[in-house]
PDB file of N, CA and C in Angstrom:
ATOM      1  N   MET A   1       1.307  15.464  -2.510  1.00  0.00           N
ATOM      2  CA  MET A   1       2.330  14.683  -3.465  1.00  0.00           C
ATOM      3  C   MET A   1       3.858  14.482  -2.961  1.00  0.00           C
ATOM      4  N   PRO A   2       3.884  13.281  -3.042  1.00  0.00           N
ATOM      5  CA  PRO A   2       4.995  12.578  -2.531  1.00  0.00           C
ATOM      6  C   PRO A   2       6.311  13.449  -3.371  1.00  0.00           C
ATOM      7  N   THR A   3       7.248  13.989  -2.680  1.00  0.00           N
ATOM      8  CA  THR A   3       8.672  14.395  -2.948  1.00  0.00           C
ATOM      9  C   THR A   3       9.498  13.035  -3.219  1.00  0.00           C
ATOM     10  N   THR A   4       9.302  12.058  -2.356  1.00  0.00           N
ATOM     11  CA  THR A   4      10.236  10.625  -2.184  1.00  0.00           C
ATOM     12  C   THR A   4       9.697  10.088  -3.350  1.00  0.00           C
ATOM     13  N   LYS A   5      10.796   9.322  -4.051  1.00  0.00           N
ATOM     14  CA  LYS A   5      10.384   8.639  -5.034  1.00  0.00           C
ATOM     15  C   LYS A   5      10.014   6.932  -4.480  1.00  0.00           C
ATOM     16  N   ALA A   6       8.881   6.579  -4.960  1.00  0.00           N
ATOM     17  CA  ALA A   6       8.587   5.311  -4.424  1.00  0.00           C
ATOM     18  C   ALA A   6       8.946   4.249  -5.700  1.00  0.00           C
ATOM     19  N   VAL A   7       9.924   2.974  -5.290  1.00  0.00           N
ATOM     20  CA  VAL A   7      10.270   2.038  -6.332  1.00  0.00           C
ATOM     21  C   VAL A   7       8.981   1.136  -6.301  1.00  0.00           C
ATOM     22  N   VAL A   8       8.198   0.837  -7.264  1.00  0.00           N
ATOM     23  CA  VAL A   8       7.355  -0.136  -7.481  1.00  0.00           C
ATOM     24  C   VAL A   8       7.850  -1.569  -7.533  1.00  0.00           C
ATOM     25  N   LYS A   9       7.832  -2.563  -6.792  1.00  0.00           N
ATOM     26  CA  LYS A   9       8.290  -3.664  -7.069  1.00  0.00           C
ATOM     27  C   LYS A   9       7.530  -4.788  -7.923  1.00  0.00           C
ATOM     28  N   GLN A  10       6.542  -4.655  -7.545  1.00  0.00           N
ATOM     29  CA  GLN A  10       5.328  -5.437  -8.620  1.00  0.00           C
ATOM     30  C   GLN A  10       3.974  -4.865  -8.585  1.00  0.00           C
ATOM     31  N   ALA A  11       3.261  -4.646  -9.643  1.00  0.00           N
ATOM     32  CA  ALA A  11       1.828  -4.264  -9.856  1.00  0.00           C
ATOM     33  C   ALA A  11       1.133  -4.796 -10.715  1.00  0.00           C
ATOM     34  N   ASP A  12      -0.177  -5.116 -10.403  1.00  0.00           N
ATOM     35  CA  ASP A  12      -1.311  -5.701 -10.952  1.00  0.00           C
ATOM     36  C   ASP A  12      -2.260  -4.613 -10.565  1.00  0.00           C
ATOM     37  N   MET A  13      -2.222  -3.298 -11.227  1.00  0.00           N
ATOM     38  CA  MET A  13      -3.254  -2.508 -10.691  1.00  0.00           C
ATOM     39  C   MET A  13      -3.112  -1.456 -11.619  1.00  0.00           C
ATOM     40  N   LEU A  14      -4.358  -0.759 -11.892  1.00  0.00           N
ATOM     41  CA  LEU A  14      -4.448   0.651 -12.719  1.00  0.00           C
ATOM     42  C   LEU A  14      -3.276   1.624 -12.459  1.00  0.00           C
ATOM     43  N   GLU A  15      -2.912   2.174 -13.125  1.00  0.00           N
ATOM     44  CA  GLU A  15      -2.035   3.230 -13.217  1.00  0.00           C
ATOM     45  C   GLU A  15      -2.375   4.382 -11.787  1.00  0.00           C
ATOM     46  N   GLU A  16      -3.590   4.758 -12.153  1.00  0.00           N
ATOM     47  CA  GLU A  16      -4.263   5.884 -11.232  1.00  0.00           C
ATOM     48  C   GLU A  16      -4.446   5.093  -9.826  1.00  0.00           C
ATOM     49  N   MET A  17      -4.766   3.858  -9.460  1.00  0.00           N
ATOM     50  CA  MET A  17      -4.904   3.356  -8.081  1.00  0.00           C
ATOM     51  C   MET A  17      -3.477   3.070  -7.577  1.00  0.00           C
ATOM     52  N   GLN A  18      -2.310   2.890  -8.460  1.00  0.00           N
ATOM     53  CA  GLN A  18      -0.956   2.723  -7.808  1.00  0.00           C
ATOM     54  C   GLN A  18      -0.634   4.345  -7.461  1.00  0.00           C
ATOM     55  N   GLN A  19      -0.792   5.212  -7.941  1.00  0.00           N
ATOM     56  CA  GLN A  19      -0.397   6.567  -7.600  1.00  0.00           C
ATOM     57  C   GLN A  19      -1.126   6.853  -6.348  1.00  0.00           C
ATOM     58  N   GLU A  20      -2.483   6.779  -6.530  1.00  0.00           N
ATOM     59  CA  GLU A  20      -3.140   6.617  -5.146  1.00  0.00           C
ATOM     60  C   GLU A  20      -2.541   6.025  -4.020  1.00  0.00           C
ATOM     61  N   ALA A  21      -2.149   4.672  -3.989  1.00  0.00           N
ATOM     62  CA  ALA A  21      -1.545   3.947  -3.050  1.00  0.00           C
ATOM     63  C   ALA A  21      -0.216   4.758  -2.517  1.00  0.00           C
ATOM     64  N   VAL A  22       0.532   5.112  -3.645  1.00  0.00           N
ATOM     65  CA  VAL A  22       1.956   6.053  -3.207  1.00  0.00           C
ATOM     66  C   VAL A  22       1.664   7.093  -2.395  1.00  0.00           C
ATOM     67  N   ASN A  23       0.604   8.117  -3.014  1.00  0.00           N
ATOM     68  CA  ASN A  23       0.352   9.119  -2.331  1.00  0.00           C
ATOM     69  C   ASN A  23      -0.149   9.078  -0.788  1.00  0.00           C
ATOM     70  N   HIS A  24      -0.960   8.048  -0.742  1.00  0.00           N
ATOM     71  CA  HIS A  24      -1.564   7.909   0.745  1.00  0.00           C
ATOM     72  C   HIS A  24      -0.409   7.249   1.579  1.00  0.00           C
ATOM     73  N   ALA A  25       0.441   6.289   0.990  1.00  0.00           N
ATOM     74  CA  ALA A  25       1.470   5.918   1.831  1.00  0.00           C
ATOM     75  C   ALA A  25       2.556   6.739   2.386  1.00  0.00           C
ATOM     76  N   TYR A  26       2.656   7.946   1.398  1.00  0.00           N
ATOM     77  CA  TYR A  26       3.681   8.949   1.642  1.00  0.00           C
ATOM     78  C   TYR A  26       2.953   9.835   2.785  1.00  0.00           C
ATOM     79  N   GLU A  27       1.720  10.057   2.839  1.00  0.00           N
ATOM     80  CA  GLU A  27       1.078  10.769   3.878  1.00  0.00           C
ATOM     81  C   GLU A  27       0.917  10.067   5.282  1.00  0.00           C
ATOM     82  N   ALA A  28       0.620   8.598   5.152  1.00  0.00           N
ATOM     83  CA  ALA A  28       0.607   7.820   6.269  1.00  0.00           C
ATOM     84  C   ALA A  28       1.936   7.814   6.986  1.00  0.00           C
ATOM     85  N   LEU A  29       3.094   8.045   6.212  1.00  0.00           N
ATOM     86  CA  LEU A  29       4.701   8.140   6.786  1.00  0.00           C
ATOM     87  C   LEU A  29       4.630   9.336   7.302  1.00  0.00           C
ATOM     88  N   ARG A  30       4.334  10.387   6.952  1.00  0.00           N
ATOM     89  CA  ARG A  30       4.330  11.573   7.785  1.00  0.00           C
ATOM     90  C   ARG A  30       3.455  11.827   8.995  1.00  0.00           C
ATOM     91  N   CYS A  31       2.664  11.289   8.946  1.00  0.00           N
ATOM     92  CA  CYS A  31       1.386  11.230  10.093  1.00  0.00           C
ATOM     93  C   CYS A  31       1.515  10.147  10.751  1.00  0.00           C
ATOM     94  N   GLU A  32       1.926   9.065  10.964  1.00  0.00           N
ATOM     95  CA  GLU A  32       1.667   7.952  11.609  1.00  0.00           C
ATOM     96  C   GLU A  32       3.000   7.506  12.041  1.00  0.00           C
ATOM     97  N   GLY A  33       3.587   6.879  13.291  1.00  0.00           N
ATOM     98  CA  GLY A  33       4.426   6.526  13.855  1.00  0.00           C
ATOM     99  C   GLY A  33       4.755   5.179  13.603  1.00  0.00           C
ATOM    100  N   GLN A  34       3.854   3.993  13.880  1.00  0.00           N
ATOM    101  CA  GLN A  34       4.014   2.707  13.848  1.00  0.00           C
ATOM    102  C   GLN A  34       3.693   2.064  12.731  1.00  0.00           C
ATOM    103  N   TYR A  35       4.248   1.074  12.124  1.00  0.00           N
ATOM    104  CA  TYR A  35       3.965   0.591  11.011  1.00  0.00           C
ATOM    105  C   TYR A  35       2.572   0.003  10.900  1.00  0.00           C
ATOM    106  N   MET A  36       2.062  -0.573  11.924  1.00  0.00           N
ATOM    107  CA  MET A  36       0.694  -1.281  11.867  1.00  0.00           C
ATOM    108  C   MET A  36      -0.421   0.003  11.626  1.00  0.00           C
ATOM    109  N   ASP A  37      -0.051   1.411  12.386  1.00  0.00           N
ATOM    110  CA  ASP A  37      -0.929   2.463  12.173  1.00  0.00           C
ATOM    111  C   ASP A  37      -0.860   3.175  10.397  1.00  0.00           C
ATOM    112  N   ILE A  38       0.646   3.034   9.921  1.00  0.00           N
ATOM    113  CA  ILE A  38       0.613   3.208   8.608  1.00  0.00           C
ATOM    114  C   ILE A  38      -0.116   2.395   7.644  1.00  0.00           C
ATOM    115  N   ALA A  39       0.011   1.090   7.988  1.00  0.00           N
ATOM    116  CA  ALA A  39      -1.012   0.109   7.289  1.00  0.00           C
ATOM    117  C   ALA A  39      -2.004   0.264   7.183  1.00  0.00           C
ATOM    118  N   LYS A  40      -2.882   0.720   8.617  1.00  0.00           N
ATOM    119  CA  LYS A  40      -4.330   0.858   8.469  1.00  0.00           C
ATOM    120  C   LYS A  40      -4.830   1.894   7.940  1.00  0.00           C
ATOM    121  N   HIS A  41      -3.667   3.188   8.287  1.00  0.00           N
ATOM    122  CA  HIS A  41      -4.152   4.271   7.217  1.00  0.00           C
ATOM    123  C   HIS A  41      -4.281   3.997   5.778  1.00  0.00           C
ATOM    124  N   VAL A  42      -3.537   3.468   5.227  1.00  0.00           N
ATOM    125  CA  VAL A  42      -3.740   3.060   3.762  1.00  0.00           C
ATOM    126  C   VAL A  42      -4.781   2.127   3.320  1.00  0.00           C
ATOM    127  N   ARG A  43      -4.967   1.219   4.258  1.00  0.00           N
ATOM    128  CA  ARG A  43      -6.115   0.164   3.998  1.00  0.00           C
ATOM    129  C   ARG A  43      -7.378   0.797   4.109  1.00  0.00           C
ATOM    130  N   CYS A  44      -7.471   1.636   5.296  1.00  0.00           N
ATOM    131  CA  CYS A  44      -8.768   2.345   5.382  1.00  0.00           C
ATOM    132  C   CYS A  44      -9.196   3.004   4.339  1.00  0.00           C
ATOM    133  N   HIS A  45      -8.352   3.984   3.687  1.00  0.00           N
ATOM    134  CA  HIS A  45      -8.386   4.738   2.643  1.00  0.00           C
ATOM    135  C   HIS A  45      -8.893   4.085   1.326  1.00  0.00           C
ATOM    136  N   PHE A  46      -8.357   2.906   1.088  1.00  0.00           N
ATOM    137  CA  PHE A  46      -8.897   1.917  -0.089  1.00  0.00           C
ATOM    138  C   PHE A  46     -10.086   1.365   0.174  1.00  0.00           C
ATOM    139  N   ASP A  47     -10.252   0.933   1.465  1.00  0.00           N
ATOM    140  CA  ASP A  47     -11.463   0.314   1.668  1.00  0.00           C
ATOM    141  C   ASP A  47     -12.604   1.575   1.331  1.00  0.00           C
ATOM    142  N   ARG A  48     -12.406   2.656   1.883  1.00  0.00           N
ATOM    143  CA  ARG A  48     -13.834   3.856   1.874  1.00  0.00           C
ATOM    144  C   ARG A  48     -13.541   3.942   0.240  1.00  0.00           C
ATOM    145  N   ILE A  49     -12.506   4.378  -0.477  1.00  0.00           N
ATOM    146  CA  ILE A  49     -12.684   4.541  -1.893  1.00  0.00           C
ATOM    147  C   ILE A  49     -13.141   3.456  -3.083  1.00  0.00           C
ATOM    148  N   TYR A  50     -12.395   2.297  -2.653  1.00  0.00           N
ATOM    149  CA  TYR A  50     -12.533   1.269  -3.581  1.00  0.00           C
ATOM    150  C   TYR A  50     -13.364  -0.050  -3.155  1.00  0.00           C
ATOM    151  N   GLY A  51     -14.040  -0.024  -1.752  1.00  0.00           N
ATOM    152  CA  GLY A  51     -14.603  -0.874  -1.183  1.00  0.00           C
ATOM    153  C   GLY A  51     -13.964  -1.789  -0.244  1.00  0.00           C
ATOM    154  N   PRO A  52     -14.748  -2.583   0.370  1.00  0.00           N
ATOM    155  CA  PRO A  52     -13.800  -3.399   1.214  1.00  0.00           C
ATOM    156  C   PRO A  52     -13.064  -4.633   0.776  1.00  0.00           C
ATOM    157  N   SER A  53     -12.396  -5.079   1.892  1.00  0.00           N
ATOM    158  CA  SER A  53     -11.625  -6.211   1.587  1.00  0.00           C
ATOM    159  C   SER A  53     -10.078  -6.131   1.128  1.00  0.00           C
ATOM    160  N   TRP A  54      -9.301  -4.865   1.474  1.00  0.00           N
ATOM    161  CA  TRP A  54      -8.424  -4.517   1.374  1.00  0.00           C
ATOM    162  C   TRP A  54      -7.313  -5.058   2.521  1.00  0.00           C
ATOM    163  N   SER A  55      -5.847  -5.298   2.365  1.00  0.00           N
ATOM    164  CA  SER A  55      -5.136  -5.690   3.233  1.00  0.00           C
ATOM    165  C   SER A  55      -3.937  -5.091   3.059  1.00  0.00           C
ATOM    166  N   CYS A  56      -3.278  -4.350   4.145  1.00  0.00           N
ATOM    167  CA  CYS A  56      -1.876  -3.583   3.728  1.00  0.00           C
ATOM    168  C   CYS A  56      -0.706  -4.173   4.995  1.00  0.00           C
ATOM    169  N   VAL A  57       0.114  -4.562   4.091  1.00  0.00           N
ATOM    170  CA  VAL A  57       1.456  -4.849   5.272  1.00  0.00           C
ATOM    171  C   VAL A  57       2.586  -3.848   5.035  1.00  0.00           C
ATOM    172  N   VAL A  58       3.083  -3.514   6.242  1.00  0.00           N
ATOM    173  CA  VAL A  58       4.047  -2.372   5.740  1.00  0.00           C
ATOM    174  C   VAL A  58       5.405  -2.737   6.859  1.00  0.00           C
ATOM    175  N   GLY A  59       6.426  -2.610   6.475  1.00  0.00           N
ATOM    176  CA  GLY A  59       7.705  -3.008   7.201  1.00  0.00           C
ATOM    177  C   GLY A  59       9.049  -3.123   6.654  1.00  0.00           C
ATOM    178  N   LYS A  60       9.977  -3.442   7.238  1.00  0.00           N
ATOM    179  CA  LYS A  60      11.178  -3.561   6.568  1.00  0.00           C
ATOM    180  C   LYS A  60      11.787  -4.971   6.441  1.00  0.00           C
ATOM    181  N   ASP A  61      10.923  -6.048   6.771  1.00  0.00           N
ATOM    182  CA  ASP A  61      11.512  -7.571   6.547  1.00  0.00           C
ATOM    183  C   ASP A  61      10.351  -8.308   7.060  1.00  0.00           C
ATOM    184  N   PHE A  62       9.620  -8.810   5.974  1.00  0.00           N
ATOM    185  CA  PHE A  62       8.295  -9.683   6.290  1.00  0.00           C
ATOM    186  C   PHE A  62       8.217 -10.693   4.829  1.00  0.00           C
ATOM    187  N   GLY A  63       7.476 -11.869   5.172  1.00  0.00           N
ATOM    188  CA  GLY A  63       7.409 -12.835   4.109  1.00  0.00           C
ATOM    189  C   GLY A  63       5.932 -12.782   4.023  1.00  0.00           C
ATOM    190  N   THR A  64       5.301 -13.370   3.139  1.00  0.00           N
ATOM    191  CA  THR A  64       3.867 -13.245   2.884  1.00  0.00           C
ATOM    192  C   THR A  64       3.387 -14.488   1.947  1.00  0.00           C
ATOM    193  N   SER A  65       2.323 -14.813   2.150  1.00  0.00           N
ATOM    194  CA  SER A  65       1.591 -15.775   1.148  1.00  0.00           C
ATOM    195  C   SER A  65       0.225 -15.472   1.245  1.00  0.00           C
ATOM    196  N   PHE A  66      -0.368 -15.162  -0.007  1.00  0.00           N
ATOM    197  CA  PHE A  66      -1.664 -14.811  -0.044  1.00  0.00           C
ATOM    198  C   PHE A  66      -2.410 -14.749  -1.347  1.00  0.00           C
ATOM    199  N   ALA A  67      -3.770 -14.869  -1.751  1.00  0.00           N
ATOM    200  CA  ALA A  67      -4.217 -14.929  -2.817  1.00  0.00           C
ATOM    201  C   ALA A  67      -4.682 -13.286  -2.715  1.00  0.00           C
ATOM    202  N   TYR A  68      -4.928 -12.839  -4.075  1.00  0.00           N
ATOM    203  CA  TYR A  68      -5.551 -11.517  -4.429  1.00  0.00           C
ATOM    204  C   TYR A  68      -6.458 -11.474  -5.618  1.00  0.00           C
ATOM    205  N   GLU A  69      -7.031 -10.478  -5.469  1.00  0.00           N
ATOM    206  CA  GLU A  69      -8.011 -10.161  -6.839  1.00  0.00           C
ATOM    207  C   GLU A  69      -7.179  -9.702  -7.783  1.00  0.00           C
ATOM    208  N   ARG A  70      -7.327 -10.168  -9.019  1.00  0.00           N
ATOM    209  CA  ARG A  70      -6.500  -9.732 -10.067  1.00  0.00           C
ATOM    210  C   ARG A  70      -6.658  -8.155 -10.188  1.00  0.00           C
ATOM    211  N   LYS A  71      -6.013  -7.568 -10.674  1.00  0.00           N
ATOM    212  CA  LYS A  71      -5.896  -5.904 -10.769  1.00  0.00           C
ATOM    213  C   LYS A  71      -6.060  -5.179  -9.604  1.00  0.00           C
ATOM    214  N   HIS A  72      -5.628  -5.764  -8.401  1.00  0.00           N
ATOM    215  CA  HIS A  72      -5.964  -5.155  -7.164  1.00  0.00           C
ATOM    216  C   HIS A  72      -4.638  -5.528  -6.216  1.00  0.00           C
ATOM    217  N   LEU A  73      -3.365  -5.361  -6.634  1.00  0.00           N
ATOM    218  CA  LEU A  73      -2.175  -5.574  -6.013  1.00  0.00           C
ATOM    219  C   LEU A  73      -0.956  -4.478  -6.355  1.00  0.00           C
ATOM    220  N   ILE A  74      -0.349  -4.232  -5.538  1.00  0.00           N
ATOM    221  CA  ILE A  74       1.019  -3.514  -5.483  1.00  0.00           C
ATOM    222  C   ILE A  74       1.833  -3.631  -4.371  1.00  0.00           C
ATOM    223  N   SER A  75       2.991  -3.779  -4.781  1.00  0.00           N
ATOM    224  CA  SER A  75       4.120  -3.707  -3.705  1.00  0.00           C
ATOM    225  C   SER A  75       5.398  -2.987  -3.864  1.00  0.00           C
ATOM    226  N   PHE A  76       5.472  -1.888  -3.090  1.00  0.00           N
ATOM    227  CA  PHE A  76       6.408  -0.668  -3.459  1.00  0.00           C
ATOM    228  C   PHE A  76       7.375  -0.416  -2.377  1.00  0.00           C
ATOM    229  N   GLU A  77       8.179   0.269  -2.329  1.00  0.00           N
ATOM    230  CA  GLU A  77       9.289   0.832  -1.479  1.00  0.00           C
ATOM    231  C   GLU A  77       9.561   2.230  -1.405  1.00  0.00           C
ATOM    232  N   MET A  78       9.346   2.765  -0.306  1.00  0.00           N
ATOM    233  CA  MET A  78       9.558   4.095  -0.267  1.00  0.00           C
ATOM    234  C   MET A  78      10.089   4.513   1.173  1.00  0.00           C
ATOM    235  N   LYS A  79      11.308   5.343   1.116  1.00  0.00           N
ATOM    236  CA  LYS A  79      12.061   5.631   2.410  1.00  0.00           C
ATOM    237  C   LYS A  79      12.449   4.783   3.176  1.00  0.00           C
ATOM    238  N   GLY A  80      12.895   3.411   2.430  1.00  0.00           N
ATOM    239  CA  GLY A  80      13.534   2.512   3.032  1.00  0.00           C
ATOM    240  C   GLY A  80      12.185   1.374   3.754  1.00  0.00           C
ATOM    241  N   VAL A  81      11.013   1.531   3.363  1.00  0.00           N
ATOM    242  CA  VAL A  81      10.038   0.853   4.014  1.00  0.00           C
ATOM    243  C   VAL A  81       9.299   0.216   2.868  1.00  0.00           C
ATOM    244  N   THR A  82       8.818  -1.059   3.043  1.00  0.00           N
ATOM    245  CA  THR A  82       8.073  -1.907   1.939  1.00  0.00           C
ATOM    246  C   THR A  82       6.681  -1.919   2.203  1.00  0.00           C
ATOM    247  N   PHE A  83       5.905  -1.660   1.157  1.00  0.00           N
ATOM    248  CA  PHE A  83       4.470  -1.737   1.185  1.00  0.00           C
ATOM    249  C   PHE A  83       3.887  -2.795   0.551  1.00  0.00           C
ATOM    250  N   LEU A  84       2.939  -3.481   0.834  1.00  0.00           N
ATOM    251  CA  LEU A  84       2.271  -4.360   0.157  1.00  0.00           C
ATOM    252  C   LEU A  84       0.765  -4.250   0.345  1.00  0.00           C
ATOM    253  N   LEU A  85      -0.017  -3.913  -0.728  1.00  0.00           N
ATOM    254  CA  LEU A  85      -1.436  -3.368  -0.439  1.00  0.00           C
ATOM    255  C   LEU A  85      -2.196  -4.423  -1.551  1.00  0.00           C
ATOM    256  N   PHE A  86      -3.263  -5.048  -1.118  1.00  0.00           N
ATOM    257  CA  PHE A  86      -4.109  -6.005  -1.952  1.00  0.00           C
ATOM    258  C   PHE A  86      -5.490  -6.259  -1.668  1.00  0.00           C
ATOM    259  N   ARG A  87      -6.167  -6.503  -2.497  1.00  0.00           N
ATOM    260  CA  ARG A  87      -7.526  -6.797  -2.213  1.00  0.00           C
ATOM    261  C   ARG A  87      -7.527  -8.323  -2.196  1.00  0.00           C
ATOM    262  N   GLY A  88      -8.013  -8.914  -1.066  1.00  0.00           N
ATOM    263  CA  GLY A  88      -8.315 -10.452  -0.750  1.00  0.00           C
ATOM    264  C   GLY A  88      -8.961 -11.012  -2.095  1.00  0.00           C
ATOM    265  N   ALA A  89      -8.752 -12.264  -2.206  1.00  0.00           N
ATOM    266  CA  ALA A  89      -9.627 -13.073  -3.321  1.00  0.00           C
ATOM    267  C   ALA A  89     -10.599 -13.456  -2.589  1.00  0.00           C
TER     268      ALA A  89
END
């Protein structure tokens, strides 16, 4: 359970899924070193639990343009790192 607060920037996702995203992002930050490994950790968990086609972007400075499936998007910041998790449309 995270002791660090996540600041949700944008969410189109059930509250339960949002909390799961934050929990696994926190776990990934503790266990993984590189942003790519952190993103893969979160994406693989969501693929396993909620089915395939999830994408995860992790970093401090990035731009994006993408289409997503409604009710399957969250963007949040934790420990100075931004997370974007979504299921592609």
